[in-house]
Protein backbone atom coordinates (compact mmCIF):
# COMPACT_ATOMS: atom_id res chain seq x y z
CA UNK A 1 0.00 0.00 0.00
CA UNK A 2 2.77 2.41 0.90
CA UNK A 3 4.63 1.60 -2.33
CA UNK A 4 1.52 2.75 -4.19
CA UNK A 5 1.45 5.95 -2.17
CA UNK A 6 5.13 6.53 -2.91
CA UNK A 7 4.61 6.05 -6.66
CA UNK A 8 1.62 8.40 -6.69
CA UNK A 9 3.66 11.05 -4.89
CA UNK A 10 6.47 10.58 -7.41
CA UNK A 11 4.03 11.08 -10.29
CA UNK A 12 2.86 14.34 -8.70
CA UNK A 13 6.41 15.69 -8.72
CA UNK A 14 7.62 14.30 -12.07
CA UNK A 15 10.01 16.87 -13.53
CA UNK A 16 9.49 18.54 -16.87
CA UNK A 17 12.47 17.77 -19.13
CA UNK A 18 14.17 20.85 -20.53
CA UNK A 19 13.81 19.65 -24.11
CA UNK A 20 10.20 18.42 -23.80
CA UNK A 21 7.79 19.19 -26.61
CA UNK A 22 4.49 20.91 -25.94
CA UNK A 23 2.70 17.56 -26.21
CA UNK A 24 5.09 15.97 -23.73
CA UNK A 25 4.64 18.87 -21.32
CA UNK A 26 0.87 18.47 -21.53
CA UNK A 27 1.15 14.73 -20.84
CA UNK A 28 3.37 15.37 -17.82
CA UNK A 29 0.97 18.05 -16.53
CA UNK A 30 -1.91 15.56 -16.90
CA UNK A 31 0.11 12.92 -15.03
CA UNK A 32 0.85 15.34 -12.20
CA UNK A 33 -2.80 16.42 -11.97
CA UNK A 34 -4.02 12.83 -11.98
CA UNK A 35 -1.48 11.99 -9.29
CA UNK A 36 -2.84 14.73 -7.04
CA UNK A 37 -6.37 13.44 -7.55
CA UNK A 38 -5.33 9.88 -6.73
CA UNK A 39 -3.42 11.04 -3.68
CA UNK A 40 -6.57 12.59 -2.26
CA UNK A 41 -8.64 9.56 -3.23
CA UNK A 42 -6.28 7.36 -1.22
CA UNK A 43 -6.64 9.70 1.75
CA UNK A 44 -10.43 9.44 1.62
CA UNK A 45 -10.36 5.65 1.21
CA UNK A 46 -7.95 4.84 4.02
CA UNK A 47 -7.40 7.74 6.41
CA UNK A 48 -7.00 5.46 9.43
CA UNK A 49 -4.09 3.57 7.86
CA UNK A 50 -2.41 6.77 6.78
CA UNK A 51 -2.95 8.44 10.15
CA UNK A 52 -0.40 6.02 11.62
CA UNK A 53 2.33 7.55 9.47
CA UNK A 54 1.06 11.13 9.47
CA UNK A 55 4.27 12.64 10.84
CA UNK A 56 6.29 10.96 8.08
CA UNK A 57 3.81 12.13 5.46
CA UNK A 58 3.96 15.68 6.82
CA UNK A 59 7.76 15.66 6.62
CA UNK A 60 7.78 14.27 3.08
CA UNK A 61 5.18 16.75 1.88
CA UNK A 62 6.94 19.67 3.60
CA UNK A 63 10.08 18.70 1.70
CA UNK A 64 8.17 18.55 -1.58
CA UNK A 65 6.49 21.91 -0.95
CA UNK A 66 9.78 23.59 -0.03
CA UNK A 67 11.33 22.41 -3.30
CA UNK A 68 9.11 24.93 -5.14
CA UNK A 69 8.59 22.42 -7.98
CA UNK A 70 4.80 22.46 -7.69
CA UNK A 71 2.20 24.79 -9.10
CA UNK A 72 -0.21 26.37 -6.64
CA UNK A 73 -2.88 23.86 -7.67
CA UNK A 74 -0.53 20.93 -7.08
CA UNK A 75 0.52 22.29 -3.69
CA UNK A 76 -3.15 22.52 -2.67
CA UNK A 77 -3.60 18.85 -3.60
CA UNK A 78 -0.81 17.86 -1.20
CA UNK A 79 -2.15 20.08 1.58
CA UNK A 80 -5.66 18.68 1.05
CA UNK A 81 -4.26 15.18 1.32
CA UNK A 82 -2.81 15.95 4.74
CA UNK A 83 -6.02 17.63 5.84
CA UNK A 84 -8.08 14.56 4.94
CA UNK A 85 -5.71 12.22 6.75
């Protein structure tokens, strides 16, 4: 279960390659958006399981947010995830 969570979080922070075409950038943006949606879906489906590792999740998400690699919308998805848990 936690491997799934890790992969979803990775998809939310997938970097845009410097030489990416417009189509590739759009695909990556869609992947990141879908990842944020799935992250919140997991929080709603199993908040009790995730509550046990809340401090670790908070630390991981704080690190992601401080990296400044997310759009405002993506950052809200991560904050919403923590709020649900």
